[in-house]
Amino acid sequence: MLAASPVWATDVPSGHSVELYEVLVDAVESETWLRFRFIAPHIARGEGAVEYDVAASDMMHLCAALALPYSAEYALAGDVIVISLADRATEFGVADPEATQFFEAFRPVDNTCIWEGL
């Protein structure tokens, strides 16, 4: 497991700001998965919340604009990049029914992100 340091904040196509708070590297079967976990308060439940269809384009953007350069900078090699958005910090692998979370998986190919569809 790698902690994101320093914390990276960026704007996404929806016009909101997200903060990278954790990067995890783990094995899933025979593959290495890089998990980029972001706090995205704008996806919280309620009126005015960003829905999944809008957040999906944000996740594609985060893969290409942040995860790929981060991986290169820190010499991380992965078969799959998972981008997750949560309205609050959550512990990885622990259910939190109060949290809103969205996930997408991508294959890094020739410095681009190819959507995998979990």
PDB file of N, CA and C in Angstrom:
ATOM      1  N   MET A   1       0.847  -1.172   0.000  1.00  0.00           N
ATOM      2  CA  MET A   1       0.000   0.000   0.000  1.00  0.00           C
ATOM      3  C   MET A   1       0.894   1.237   0.000  1.00  0.00           C
ATOM      4  N   LEU A   2       0.491   2.202  -0.791  1.00  0.00           N
ATOM      5  CA  LEU A   2       1.191   3.478  -0.846  1.00  0.00           C
ATOM      6  C   LEU A   2       0.228   4.569  -0.437  1.00  0.00           C
ATOM      7  N   ALA A   3       0.651   5.458   0.389  1.00  0.00           N
ATOM      8  CA  ALA A   3      -0.180   6.619   0.712  1.00  0.00           C
ATOM      9  C   ALA A   3       0.116   7.701  -0.305  1.00  0.00           C
ATOM     10  N   ALA A   4      -0.901   8.383  -0.730  1.00  0.00           N
ATOM     11  CA  ALA A   4      -0.714   9.487  -1.670  1.00  0.00           C
ATOM     12  C   ALA A   4      -0.043  10.631  -0.937  1.00  0.00           C
ATOM     13  N   SER A   5       1.143  10.967  -1.355  1.00  0.00           N
ATOM     14  CA  SER A   5       1.867  12.028  -0.681  1.00  0.00           C
ATOM     15  C   SER A   5       2.693  12.775  -1.700  1.00  0.00           C
ATOM     16  N   PRO A   6       2.543  14.044  -1.878  1.00  0.00           N
ATOM     17  CA  PRO A   6       1.575  14.860  -1.177  1.00  0.00           C
ATOM     18  C   PRO A   6       0.164  14.626  -1.702  1.00  0.00           C
ATOM     19  N   VAL A   7      -0.833  15.119  -0.975  1.00  0.00           N
ATOM     20  CA  VAL A   7      -2.211  15.019  -1.428  1.00  0.00           C
ATOM     21  C   VAL A   7      -2.341  15.812  -2.722  1.00  0.00           C
ATOM     22  N   TRP A   8      -2.944  15.200  -3.697  1.00  0.00           N
ATOM     23  CA  TRP A   8      -3.134  15.857  -4.982  1.00  0.00           C
ATOM     24  C   TRP A   8      -4.591  16.244  -5.106  1.00  0.00           C
ATOM     25  N   ALA A   9      -4.846  17.487  -5.401  1.00  0.00           N
ATOM     26  CA  ALA A   9      -6.211  17.961  -5.642  1.00  0.00           C
ATOM     27  C   ALA A   9      -6.269  18.442  -7.087  1.00  0.00           C
ATOM     28  N   THR A  10      -7.399  18.214  -7.714  1.00  0.00           N
ATOM     29  CA  THR A  10      -7.548  18.614  -9.104  1.00  0.00           C
ATOM     30  C   THR A  10      -9.017  18.840  -9.411  1.00  0.00           C
ATOM     31  N   ASP A  11      -9.262  19.620 -10.421  1.00  0.00           N
ATOM     32  CA  ASP A  11     -10.629  19.793 -10.906  1.00  0.00           C
ATOM     33  C   ASP A  11     -10.904  18.730 -11.959  1.00  0.00           C
ATOM     34  N   VAL A  12     -12.172  18.381 -12.098  1.00  0.00           N
ATOM     35  CA  VAL A  12     -12.589  17.366 -13.060  1.00  0.00           C
ATOM     36  C   VAL A  12     -13.607  17.977 -14.028  1.00  0.00           C
ATOM     37  N   PRO A  13     -13.906  17.292 -15.137  1.00  0.00           N
ATOM     38  CA  PRO A  13     -14.808  17.858 -16.145  1.00  0.00           C
ATOM     39  C   PRO A  13     -16.176  18.306 -15.625  1.00  0.00           C
ATOM     40  N   SER A  14     -16.665  17.700 -14.546  1.00  0.00           N
ATOM     41  CA  SER A  14     -17.959  18.116 -13.999  1.00  0.00           C
ATOM     42  C   SER A  14     -17.882  19.509 -13.370  1.00  0.00           C
ATOM     43  N   GLY A  15     -16.658  20.029 -13.213  1.00  0.00           N
ATOM     44  CA  GLY A  15     -16.477  21.348 -12.613  1.00  0.00           C
ATOM     45  C   GLY A  15     -16.209  21.309 -11.128  1.00  0.00           C
ATOM     46  N   HIS A  16     -16.153  20.120 -10.563  1.00  0.00           N
ATOM     47  CA  HIS A  16     -15.912  19.969  -9.126  1.00  0.00           C
ATOM     48  C   HIS A  16     -14.441  19.687  -8.864  1.00  0.00           C
ATOM     49  N   SER A  17     -14.087  19.703  -7.613  1.00  0.00           N
ATOM     50  CA  SER A  17     -12.722  19.402  -7.208  1.00  0.00           C
ATOM     51  C   SER A  17     -12.714  18.070  -6.471  1.00  0.00           C
ATOM     52  N   VAL A  18     -11.670  17.280  -6.712  1.00  0.00           N
ATOM     53  CA  VAL A  18     -11.491  16.012  -6.008  1.00  0.00           C
ATOM     54  C   VAL A  18     -10.096  15.997  -5.407  1.00  0.00           C
ATOM     55  N   GLU A  19      -9.922  15.150  -4.408  1.00  0.00           N
ATOM     56  CA  GLU A  19      -8.643  15.051  -3.718  1.00  0.00           C
ATOM     57  C   GLU A  19      -8.207  13.595  -3.664  1.00  0.00           C
ATOM     58  N   LEU A  20      -7.026  13.310  -4.174  1.00  0.00           N
ATOM     59  CA  LEU A  20      -6.460  11.967  -4.081  1.00  0.00           C
ATOM     60  C   LEU A  20      -5.991  11.760  -2.644  1.00  0.00           C
ATOM     61  N   TYR A  21      -6.540  10.731  -1.984  1.00  0.00           N
ATOM     62  CA  TYR A  21      -6.120  10.519  -0.605  1.00  0.00           C
ATOM     63  C   TYR A  21      -5.432   9.189  -0.380  1.00  0.00           C
ATOM     64  N   GLU A  22      -5.457   8.296  -1.373  1.00  0.00           N
ATOM     65  CA  GLU A  22      -4.802   7.017  -1.150  1.00  0.00           C
ATOM     66  C   GLU A  22      -4.554   6.335  -2.490  1.00  0.00           C
ATOM     67  N   VAL A  23      -3.387   5.712  -2.599  1.00  0.00           N
ATOM     68  CA  VAL A  23      -3.067   4.866  -3.746  1.00  0.00           C
ATOM     69  C   VAL A  23      -2.675   3.513  -3.186  1.00  0.00           C
ATOM     70  N   LEU A  24      -3.342   2.479  -3.671  1.00  0.00           N
ATOM     71  CA  LEU A  24      -3.062   1.121  -3.222  1.00  0.00           C
ATOM     72  C   LEU A  24      -2.566   0.298  -4.402  1.00  0.00           C
ATOM     73  N   VAL A  25      -1.610  -0.571  -4.137  1.00  0.00           N
ATOM     74  CA  VAL A  25      -1.119  -1.504  -5.147  1.00  0.00           C
ATOM     75  C   VAL A  25      -1.392  -2.896  -4.600  1.00  0.00           C
ATOM     76  N   ASP A  26      -2.147  -3.691  -5.366  1.00  0.00           N
ATOM     77  CA  ASP A  26      -2.402  -5.038  -4.885  1.00  0.00           C
ATOM     78  C   ASP A  26      -2.536  -6.016  -6.035  1.00  0.00           C
ATOM     79  N   ALA A  27      -2.444  -7.281  -5.705  1.00  0.00           N
ATOM     80  CA  ALA A  27      -2.565  -8.352  -6.692  1.00  0.00           C
ATOM     81  C   ALA A  27      -4.000  -8.856  -6.702  1.00  0.00           C
ATOM     82  N   VAL A  28      -4.554  -8.963  -7.902  1.00  0.00           N
ATOM     83  CA  VAL A  28      -5.864  -9.564  -8.103  1.00  0.00           C
ATOM     84  C   VAL A  28      -5.644 -10.667  -9.125  1.00  0.00           C
ATOM     85  N   GLU A  29      -5.711 -11.896  -8.633  1.00  0.00           N
ATOM     86  CA  GLU A  29      -5.334 -13.065  -9.425  1.00  0.00           C
ATOM     87  C   GLU A  29      -3.915 -12.864  -9.938  1.00  0.00           C
ATOM     88  N   SER A  30      -3.689 -12.861 -11.227  1.00  0.00           N
ATOM     89  CA  SER A  30      -2.321 -12.739 -11.754  1.00  0.00           C
ATOM     90  C   SER A  30      -1.977 -11.312 -12.179  1.00  0.00           C
ATOM     91  N   GLU A  31      -2.827 -10.343 -11.845  1.00  0.00           N
ATOM     92  CA  GLU A  31      -2.619  -8.970 -12.286  1.00  0.00           C
ATOM     93  C   GLU A  31      -2.271  -8.050 -11.108  1.00  0.00           C
ATOM     94  N   THR A  32      -1.601  -6.959 -11.435  1.00  0.00           N
ATOM     95  CA  THR A  32      -1.348  -5.900 -10.464  1.00  0.00           C
ATOM     96  C   THR A  32      -2.357  -4.794 -10.707  1.00  0.00           C
ATOM     97  N   TRP A  33      -3.074  -4.429  -9.659  1.00  0.00           N
ATOM     98  CA  TRP A  33      -4.077  -3.368  -9.739  1.00  0.00           C
ATOM     99  C   TRP A  33      -3.569  -2.155  -8.963  1.00  0.00           C
ATOM    100  N   LEU A  34      -3.676  -1.009  -9.592  1.00  0.00           N
ATOM    101  CA  LEU A  34      -3.372   0.262  -8.948  1.00  0.00           C
ATOM    102  C   LEU A  34      -4.697   0.929  -8.640  1.00  0.00           C
ATOM    103  N   ARG A  35      -4.956   1.179  -7.383  1.00  0.00           N
ATOM    104  CA  ARG A  35      -6.231   1.760  -6.965  1.00  0.00           C
ATOM    105  C   ARG A  35      -5.999   3.203  -6.514  1.00  0.00           C
ATOM    106  N   PHE A  36      -6.595   4.114  -7.251  1.00  0.00           N
ATOM    107  CA  PHE A  36      -6.508   5.539  -6.933  1.00  0.00           C
ATOM    108  C   PHE A  36      -7.826   5.936  -6.290  1.00  0.00           C
ATOM    109  N   ARG A  37      -7.758   6.294  -5.017  1.00  0.00           N
ATOM    110  CA  ARG A  37      -8.954   6.584  -4.232  1.00  0.00           C
ATOM    111  C   ARG A  37      -9.046   8.085  -3.990  1.00  0.00           C
ATOM    112  N   PHE A  38     -10.156   8.658  -4.401  1.00  0.00           N
ATOM    113  CA  PHE A  38     -10.374  10.099  -4.332  1.00  0.00           C
ATOM    114  C   PHE A  38     -11.546  10.425  -3.420  1.00  0.00           C
ATOM    115  N   ILE A  39     -11.437  11.554  -2.728  1.00  0.00           N
ATOM    116  CA  ILE A  39     -12.579  12.114  -2.009  1.00  0.00           C
ATOM    117  C   ILE A  39     -13.246  13.100  -2.958  1.00  0.00           C
ATOM    118  N   ALA A  40     -14.546  12.902  -3.150  1.00  0.00           N
ATOM    119  CA  ALA A  40     -15.346  13.726  -4.062  1.00  0.00           C
ATOM    120  C   ALA A  40     -16.657  14.079  -3.361  1.00  0.00           C
ATOM    121  N   PRO A  41     -16.655  15.109  -2.522  1.00  0.00           N
ATOM    122  CA  PRO A  41     -17.851  15.437  -1.742  1.00  0.00           C
ATOM    123  C   PRO A  41     -19.090  15.698  -2.595  1.00  0.00           C
ATOM    124  N   HIS A  42     -18.910  16.088  -3.837  1.00  0.00           N
ATOM    125  CA  HIS A  42     -20.041  16.418  -4.714  1.00  0.00           C
ATOM    126  C   HIS A  42     -20.876  15.208  -5.133  1.00  0.00           C
ATOM    127  N   ILE A  43     -20.433  13.981  -4.825  1.00  0.00           N
ATOM    128  CA  ILE A  43     -21.248  12.810  -5.165  1.00  0.00           C
ATOM    129  C   ILE A  43     -22.126  12.370  -3.995  1.00  0.00           C
ATOM    130  N   ALA A  44     -22.072  13.088  -2.870  1.00  0.00           N
ATOM    131  CA  ALA A  44     -22.892  12.742  -1.703  1.00  0.00           C
ATOM    132  C   ALA A  44     -24.364  12.701  -2.096  1.00  0.00           C
ATOM    133  N   ARG A  45     -25.100  11.864  -1.415  1.00  0.00           N
ATOM    134  CA  ARG A  45     -26.534  11.743  -1.686  1.00  0.00           C
ATOM    135  C   ARG A  45     -27.251  13.049  -1.395  1.00  0.00           C
ATOM    136  N   GLY A  46     -28.305  13.281  -2.134  1.00  0.00           N
ATOM    137  CA  GLY A  46     -29.115  14.466  -1.871  1.00  0.00           C
ATOM    138  C   GLY A  46     -29.251  15.327  -3.106  1.00  0.00           C
ATOM    139  N   GLU A  47     -30.031  16.360  -2.941  1.00  0.00           N
ATOM    140  CA  GLU A  47     -30.296  17.270  -4.047  1.00  0.00           C
ATOM    141  C   GLU A  47     -29.013  17.961  -4.494  1.00  0.00           C
ATOM    142  N   GLY A  48     -28.805  18.009  -5.795  1.00  0.00           N
ATOM    143  CA  GLY A  48     -27.631  18.654  -6.360  1.00  0.00           C
ATOM    144  C   GLY A  48     -26.411  17.759  -6.462  1.00  0.00           C
ATOM    145  N   ALA A  49     -26.524  16.516  -6.002  1.00  0.00           N
ATOM    146  CA  ALA A  49     -25.385  15.598  -6.063  1.00  0.00           C
ATOM    147  C   ALA A  49     -25.106  15.201  -7.503  1.00  0.00           C
ATOM    148  N   VAL A  50     -23.832  15.007  -7.811  1.00  0.00           N
ATOM    149  CA  VAL A  50     -23.433  14.542  -9.134  1.00  0.00           C
ATOM    150  C   VAL A  50     -23.769  13.062  -9.238  1.00  0.00           C
ATOM    151  N   GLU A  51     -24.475  12.703 -10.292  1.00  0.00           N
ATOM    152  CA  GLU A  51     -24.880  11.313 -10.522  1.00  0.00           C
ATOM    153  C   GLU A  51     -23.739  10.537 -11.186  1.00  0.00           C
ATOM    154  N   TYR A  52     -23.898   9.215 -11.211  1.00  0.00           N
ATOM    155  CA  TYR A  52     -22.858   8.348 -11.761  1.00  0.00           C
ATOM    156  C   TYR A  52     -22.492   8.695 -13.199  1.00  0.00           C
ATOM    157  N   ASP A  53     -23.474   8.963 -14.057  1.00  0.00           N
ATOM    158  CA  ASP A  53     -23.163   9.204 -15.476  1.00  0.00           C
ATOM    159  C   ASP A  53     -22.233  10.404 -15.660  1.00  0.00           C
ATOM    160  N   VAL A  54     -22.361  11.414 -14.831  1.00  0.00           N
ATOM    161  CA  VAL A  54     -21.461  12.570 -14.883  1.00  0.00           C
ATOM    162  C   VAL A  54     -20.115  12.196 -14.259  1.00  0.00           C
ATOM    163  N   ALA A  55     -20.154  11.492 -13.148  1.00  0.00           N
ATOM    164  CA  ALA A  55     -18.919  11.100 -12.464  1.00  0.00           C
ATOM    165  C   ALA A  55     -18.079  10.154 -13.320  1.00  0.00           C
ATOM    166  N   ALA A  56     -18.698   9.383 -14.211  1.00  0.00           N
ATOM    167  CA  ALA A  56     -17.957   8.455 -15.070  1.00  0.00           C
ATOM    168  C   ALA A  56     -16.957   9.201 -15.948  1.00  0.00           C
ATOM    169  N   SER A  57     -17.356  10.337 -16.486  1.00  0.00           N
ATOM    170  CA  SER A  57     -16.405  11.100 -17.307  1.00  0.00           C
ATOM    171  C   SER A  57     -15.303  11.704 -16.429  1.00  0.00           C
ATOM    172  N   ASP A  58     -15.639  12.044 -15.192  1.00  0.00           N
ATOM    173  CA  ASP A  58     -14.619  12.522 -14.260  1.00  0.00           C
ATOM    174  C   ASP A  58     -13.584  11.425 -13.992  1.00  0.00           C
ATOM    175  N   MET A  59     -14.052  10.177 -13.832  1.00  0.00           N
ATOM    176  CA  MET A  59     -13.142   9.072 -13.549  1.00  0.00           C
ATOM    177  C   MET A  59     -12.234   8.781 -14.745  1.00  0.00           C
ATOM    178  N   MET A  60     -12.771   8.858 -15.964  1.00  0.00           N
ATOM    179  CA  MET A  60     -11.940   8.680 -17.161  1.00  0.00           C
ATOM    180  C   MET A  60     -10.860   9.760 -17.198  1.00  0.00           C
ATOM    181  N   HIS A  61     -11.265  10.982 -16.924  1.00  0.00           N
ATOM    182  CA  HIS A  61     -10.313  12.105 -16.895  1.00  0.00           C
ATOM    183  C   HIS A  61      -9.233  11.875 -15.837  1.00  0.00           C
ATOM    184  N   LEU A  62      -9.620  11.433 -14.651  1.00  0.00           N
ATOM    185  CA  LEU A  62      -8.658  11.206 -13.578  1.00  0.00           C
ATOM    186  C   LEU A  62      -7.662  10.108 -13.933  1.00  0.00           C
ATOM    187  N   CYS A  63      -8.116   9.101 -14.634  1.00  0.00           N
ATOM    188  CA  CYS A  63      -7.204   8.041 -15.059  1.00  0.00           C
ATOM    189  C   CYS A  63      -6.127   8.622 -15.971  1.00  0.00           C
ATOM    190  N   ALA A  64      -6.573   9.351 -17.002  1.00  0.00           N
ATOM    191  CA  ALA A  64      -5.632   9.871 -17.992  1.00  0.00           C
ATOM    192  C   ALA A  64      -4.785  11.027 -17.466  1.00  0.00           C
ATOM    193  N   ALA A  65      -5.405  11.950 -16.755  1.00  0.00           N
ATOM    194  CA  ALA A  65      -4.722  13.182 -16.361  1.00  0.00           C
ATOM    195  C   ALA A  65      -3.955  13.071 -15.047  1.00  0.00           C
ATOM    196  N   LEU A  66      -4.314  12.133 -14.197  1.00  0.00           N
ATOM    197  CA  LEU A  66      -3.648  12.040 -12.903  1.00  0.00           C
ATOM    198  C   LEU A  66      -3.019  10.668 -12.660  1.00  0.00           C
ATOM    199  N   ALA A  67      -3.770   9.583 -12.859  1.00  0.00           N
ATOM    200  CA  ALA A  67      -3.248   8.255 -12.522  1.00  0.00           C
ATOM    201  C   ALA A  67      -2.063   7.857 -13.404  1.00  0.00           C
ATOM    202  N   LEU A  68      -2.154   8.095 -14.700  1.00  0.00           N
ATOM    203  CA  LEU A  68      -1.035   7.737 -15.579  1.00  0.00           C
ATOM    204  C   LEU A  68       0.231   8.526 -15.235  1.00  0.00           C
ATOM    205  N   PRO A  69       0.156   9.870 -15.113  1.00  0.00           N
ATOM    206  CA  PRO A  69       1.373  10.606 -14.729  1.00  0.00           C
ATOM    207  C   PRO A  69       1.891  10.234 -13.325  1.00  0.00           C
ATOM    208  N   TYR A  70       0.985  10.012 -12.382  1.00  0.00           N
ATOM    209  CA  TYR A  70       1.383   9.609 -11.024  1.00  0.00           C
ATOM    210  C   TYR A  70       2.130   8.279 -11.085  1.00  0.00           C
ATOM    211  N   SER A  71       1.583   7.332 -11.848  1.00  0.00           N
ATOM    212  CA  SER A  71       2.216   6.015 -11.982  1.00  0.00           C
ATOM    213  C   SER A  71       3.619   6.148 -12.556  1.00  0.00           C
ATOM    214  N   ALA A  72       3.773   7.003 -13.561  1.00  0.00           N
ATOM    215  CA  ALA A  72       5.094   7.212 -14.162  1.00  0.00           C
ATOM    216  C   ALA A  72       6.048   7.867 -13.167  1.00  0.00           C
ATOM    217  N   GLU A  73       5.561   8.879 -12.450  1.00  0.00           N
ATOM    218  CA  GLU A  73       6.416   9.596 -11.498  1.00  0.00           C
ATOM    219  C   GLU A  73       6.922   8.696 -10.380  1.00  0.00           C
ATOM    220  N   TYR A  74       6.064   7.780  -9.911  1.00  0.00           N
ATOM    221  CA  TYR A  74       6.430   6.910  -8.794  1.00  0.00           C
ATOM    222  C   TYR A  74       6.806   5.500  -9.241  1.00  0.00           C
ATOM    223  N   ALA A  75       7.040   5.317 -10.543  1.00  0.00           N
ATOM    224  CA  ALA A  75       7.478   4.035 -11.107  1.00  0.00           C
ATOM    225  C   ALA A  75       6.550   2.884 -10.713  1.00  0.00           C
ATOM    226  N   LEU A  76       5.252   3.113 -10.820  1.00  0.00           N
ATOM    227  CA  LEU A  76       4.265   2.075 -10.542  1.00  0.00           C
ATOM    228  C   LEU A  76       3.814   1.444 -11.860  1.00  0.00           C
ATOM    229  N   ALA A  77       3.832   0.142 -11.908  1.00  0.00           N
ATOM    230  CA  ALA A  77       3.362  -0.562 -13.097  1.00  0.00           C
ATOM    231  C   ALA A  77       2.157  -1.396 -12.698  1.00  0.00           C
ATOM    232  N   GLY A  78       1.071  -1.236 -13.440  1.00  0.00           N
ATOM    233  CA  GLY A  78      -0.128  -1.999 -13.133  1.00  0.00           C
ATOM    234  C   GLY A  78      -0.817  -2.461 -14.396  1.00  0.00           C
ATOM    235  N   ASP A  79      -1.520  -3.570 -14.276  1.00  0.00           N
ATOM    236  CA  ASP A  79      -2.312  -4.089 -15.389  1.00  0.00           C
ATOM    237  C   ASP A  79      -3.662  -3.398 -15.460  1.00  0.00           C
ATOM    238  N   VAL A  80      -4.157  -2.973 -14.302  1.00  0.00           N
ATOM    239  CA  VAL A  80      -5.463  -2.323 -14.206  1.00  0.00           C
ATOM    240  C   VAL A  80      -5.322  -1.110 -13.290  1.00  0.00           C
ATOM    241  N   ILE A  81      -5.979  -0.027 -13.685  1.00  0.00           N
ATOM    242  CA  ILE A  81      -6.085   1.154 -12.833  1.00  0.00           C
ATOM    243  C   ILE A  81      -7.541   1.286 -12.422  1.00  0.00           C
ATOM    244  N   VAL A  82      -7.790   1.320 -11.128  1.00  0.00           N
ATOM    245  CA  VAL A  82      -9.144   1.520 -10.618  1.00  0.00           C
ATOM    246  C   VAL A  82      -9.218   2.927 -10.048  1.00  0.00           C
ATOM    247  N   ILE A  83     -10.195   3.674 -10.525  1.00  0.00           N
ATOM    248  CA  ILE A  83     -10.462   5.012 -10.002  1.00  0.00           C
ATOM    249  C   ILE A  83     -11.712   4.904  -9.147  1.00  0.00           C
ATOM    250  N   SER A  84     -11.612   5.325  -7.895  1.00  0.00           N
ATOM    251  CA  SER A  84     -12.796   5.329  -7.042  1.00  0.00           C
ATOM    252  C   SER A  84     -13.019   6.729  -6.492  1.00  0.00           C
ATOM    253  N   LEU A  85     -14.282   7.107  -6.464  1.00  0.00           N
ATOM    254  CA  LEU A  85     -14.710   8.369  -5.871  1.00  0.00           C
ATOM    255  C   LEU A  85     -15.577   8.039  -4.671  1.00  0.00           C
ATOM    256  N   ALA A  86     -15.356   8.703  -3.572  1.00  0.00           N
ATOM    257  CA  ALA A  86     -16.193   8.544  -2.381  1.00  0.00           C
ATOM    258  C   ALA A  86     -16.470   9.923  -1.809  1.00  0.00           C
ATOM    259  N   ASP A  87     -17.644  10.086  -1.253  1.00  0.00           N
ATOM    260  CA  ASP A  87     -17.988  11.399  -0.708  1.00  0.00           C
ATOM    261  C   ASP A  87     -17.261  11.702   0.599  1.00  0.00           C
ATOM    262  N   ARG A  88     -16.562  10.712   1.142  1.00  0.00           N
ATOM    263  CA  ARG A  88     -15.778  10.868   2.371  1.00  0.00           C
ATOM    264  C   ARG A  88     -14.692   9.801   2.380  1.00  0.00           C
ATOM    265  N   ALA A  89     -13.701   9.967   3.215  1.00  0.00           N
ATOM    266  CA  ALA A  89     -12.664   8.947   3.355  1.00  0.00           C
ATOM    267  C   ALA A  89     -13.285   7.685   3.939  1.00  0.00           C
ATOM    268  N   THR A  90     -12.952   6.562   3.343  1.00  0.00           N
ATOM    269  CA  THR A  90     -13.432   5.269   3.827  1.00  0.00           C
ATOM    270  C   THR A  90     -12.241   4.321   3.927  1.00  0.00           C
ATOM    271  N   GLU A  91     -12.373   3.325   4.765  1.00  0.00           N
ATOM    272  CA  GLU A  91     -11.321   2.326   4.880  1.00  0.00           C
ATOM    273  C   GLU A  91     -11.491   1.313   3.758  1.00  0.00           C
ATOM    274  N   PHE A  92     -10.412   1.039   3.034  1.00  0.00           N
ATOM    275  CA  PHE A  92     -10.479   0.112   1.909  1.00  0.00           C
ATOM    276  C   PHE A  92     -10.935  -1.264   2.378  1.00  0.00           C
ATOM    277  N   GLY A  93     -11.898  -1.822   1.653  1.00  0.00           N
ATOM    278  CA  GLY A  93     -12.377  -3.167   1.932  1.00  0.00           C
ATOM    279  C   GLY A  93     -13.387  -3.273   3.060  1.00  0.00           C
ATOM    280  N   VAL A  94     -13.750  -2.154   3.665  1.00  0.00           N
ATOM    281  CA  VAL A  94     -14.709  -2.160   4.767  1.00  0.00           C
ATOM    282  C   VAL A  94     -15.984  -1.470   4.293  1.00  0.00           C
ATOM    283  N   ALA A  95     -17.107  -2.164   4.412  1.00  0.00           N
ATOM    284  CA  ALA A  95     -18.383  -1.598   3.982  1.00  0.00           C
ATOM    285  C   ALA A  95     -18.742  -0.370   4.812  1.00  0.00           C
ATOM    286  N   ASP A  96     -19.217   0.653   4.136  1.00  0.00           N
ATOM    287  CA  ASP A  96     -19.683   1.867   4.794  1.00  0.00           C
ATOM    288  C   ASP A  96     -20.980   2.277   4.117  1.00  0.00           C
ATOM    289  N   PRO A  97     -22.129   1.802   4.628  1.00  0.00           N
ATOM    290  CA  PRO A  97     -23.404   2.063   3.962  1.00  0.00           C
ATOM    291  C   PRO A  97     -23.788   3.539   3.914  1.00  0.00           C
ATOM    292  N   GLU A  98     -23.141   4.365   4.709  1.00  0.00           N
ATOM    293  CA  GLU A  98     -23.430   5.795   4.694  1.00  0.00           C
ATOM    294  C   GLU A  98     -22.693   6.526   3.566  1.00  0.00           C
ATOM    295  N   ALA A  99     -21.656   5.918   3.048  1.00  0.00           N
ATOM    296  CA  ALA A  99     -20.830   6.567   2.025  1.00  0.00           C
ATOM    297  C   ALA A  99     -21.409   6.330   0.635  1.00  0.00           C
ATOM    298  N   THR A 100     -21.269   7.336  -0.220  1.00  0.00           N
ATOM    299  CA  THR A 100     -21.562   7.189  -1.642  1.00  0.00           C
ATOM    300  C   THR A 100     -20.232   6.948  -2.326  1.00  0.00           C
ATOM    301  N   GLN A 101     -20.152   5.876  -3.134  1.00  0.00           N
ATOM    302  CA  GLN A 101     -18.911   5.533  -3.805  1.00  0.00           C
ATOM    303  C   GLN A 101     -19.188   5.112  -5.242  1.00  0.00           C
ATOM    304  N   PHE A 102     -18.313   5.527  -6.151  1.00  0.00           N
ATOM    305  CA  PHE A 102     -18.355   5.111  -7.553  1.00  0.00           C
ATOM    306  C   PHE A 102     -16.978   4.545  -7.904  1.00  0.00           C
ATOM    307  N   PHE A 103     -16.963   3.528  -8.779  1.00  0.00           N
ATOM    308  CA  PHE A 103     -15.725   2.870  -9.179  1.00  0.00           C
ATOM    309  C   PHE A 103     -15.718   2.656 -10.688  1.00  0.00           C
ATOM    310  N   GLU A 104     -14.544   2.731 -11.287  1.00  0.00           N
ATOM    311  CA  GLU A 104     -14.342   2.335 -12.678  1.00  0.00           C
ATOM    312  C   GLU A 104     -12.948   1.741 -12.811  1.00  0.00           C
ATOM    313  N   ALA A 105     -12.813   0.792 -13.729  1.00  0.00           N
ATOM    314  CA  ALA A 105     -11.525   0.158 -13.998  1.00  0.00           C
ATOM    315  C   ALA A 105     -11.099   0.463 -15.429  1.00  0.00           C
ATOM    316  N   PHE A 106      -9.795   0.644 -15.591  1.00  0.00           N
ATOM    317  CA  PHE A 106      -9.218   0.983 -16.891  1.00  0.00           C
ATOM    318  C   PHE A 106      -7.952   0.168 -17.105  1.00  0.00           C
ATOM    319  N   ARG A 107      -7.660  -0.132 -18.364  1.00  0.00           N
ATOM    320  CA  ARG A 107      -6.385  -0.743 -18.735  1.00  0.00           C
ATOM    321  C   ARG A 107      -5.486   0.367 -19.268  1.00  0.00           C
ATOM    322  N   PRO A 108      -4.294   0.503 -18.710  1.00  0.00           N
ATOM    323  CA  PRO A 108      -3.359   1.479 -19.271  1.00  0.00           C
ATOM    324  C   PRO A 108      -2.688   0.873 -20.511  1.00  0.00           C
ATOM    325  N   VAL A 109      -2.947   1.469 -21.672  1.00  0.00           N
ATOM    326  CA  VAL A 109      -2.398   0.977 -22.934  1.00  0.00           C
ATOM    327  C   VAL A 109      -1.838   2.170 -23.701  1.00  0.00           C
ATOM    328  N   ASP A 110      -0.550   2.124 -24.009  1.00  0.00           N
ATOM    329  CA  ASP A 110       0.097   3.188 -24.784  1.00  0.00           C
ATOM    330  C   ASP A 110      -0.204   4.577 -24.223  1.00  0.00           C
ATOM    331  N   ASN A 111      -0.077   4.705 -22.913  1.00  0.00           N
ATOM    332  CA  ASN A 111      -0.283   5.980 -22.215  1.00  0.00           C
ATOM    333  C   ASN A 111      -1.710   6.533 -22.368  1.00  0.00           C
ATOM    334  N   THR A 112      -2.679   5.642 -22.525  1.00  0.00           N
ATOM    335  CA  THR A 112      -4.086   6.012 -22.510  1.00  0.00           C
ATOM    336  C   THR A 112      -4.830   5.057 -21.577  1.00  0.00           C
ATOM    337  N   CYS A 113      -6.023   5.435 -21.208  1.00  0.00           N
ATOM    338  CA  CYS A 113      -6.844   4.604 -20.324  1.00  0.00           C
ATOM    339  C   CYS A 113      -7.999   4.010 -21.143  1.00  0.00           C
ATOM    340  N   ILE A 114      -8.056   2.692 -21.162  1.00  0.00           N
ATOM    341  CA  ILE A 114      -9.118   1.985 -21.866  1.00  0.00           C
ATOM    342  C   ILE A 114     -10.102   1.474 -20.813  1.00  0.00           C
ATOM    343  N   TRP A 115     -11.369   1.897 -20.933  1.00  0.00           N
ATOM    344  CA  TRP A 115     -12.393   1.530 -19.952  1.00  0.00           C
ATOM    345  C   TRP A 115     -12.599   0.020 -19.936  1.00  0.00           C
ATOM    346  N   GLU A 116     -12.607  -0.570 -18.754  1.00  0.00           N
ATOM    347  CA  GLU A 116     -12.789  -2.004 -18.564  1.00  0.00           C
ATOM    348  C   GLU A 116     -14.229  -2.360 -18.214  1.00  0.00           C
ATOM    349  N   GLY A 117     -14.938  -1.487 -17.562  1.00  0.00           N
ATOM    350  CA  GLY A 117     -16.305  -1.782 -17.142  1.00  0.00           C
ATOM    351  C   GLY A 117     -16.356  -2.891 -16.113  1.00  0.00           C
ATOM    352  N   LEU A 118     -16.358  -2.520 -14.856  1.00  0.00           N
ATOM    353  CA  LEU A 118     -16.421  -3.512 -13.768  1.00  0.00           C
ATOM    354  C   LEU A 118     -17.760  -4.193 -13.709  1.00  0.00           C
TER     355      LEU A 118
END
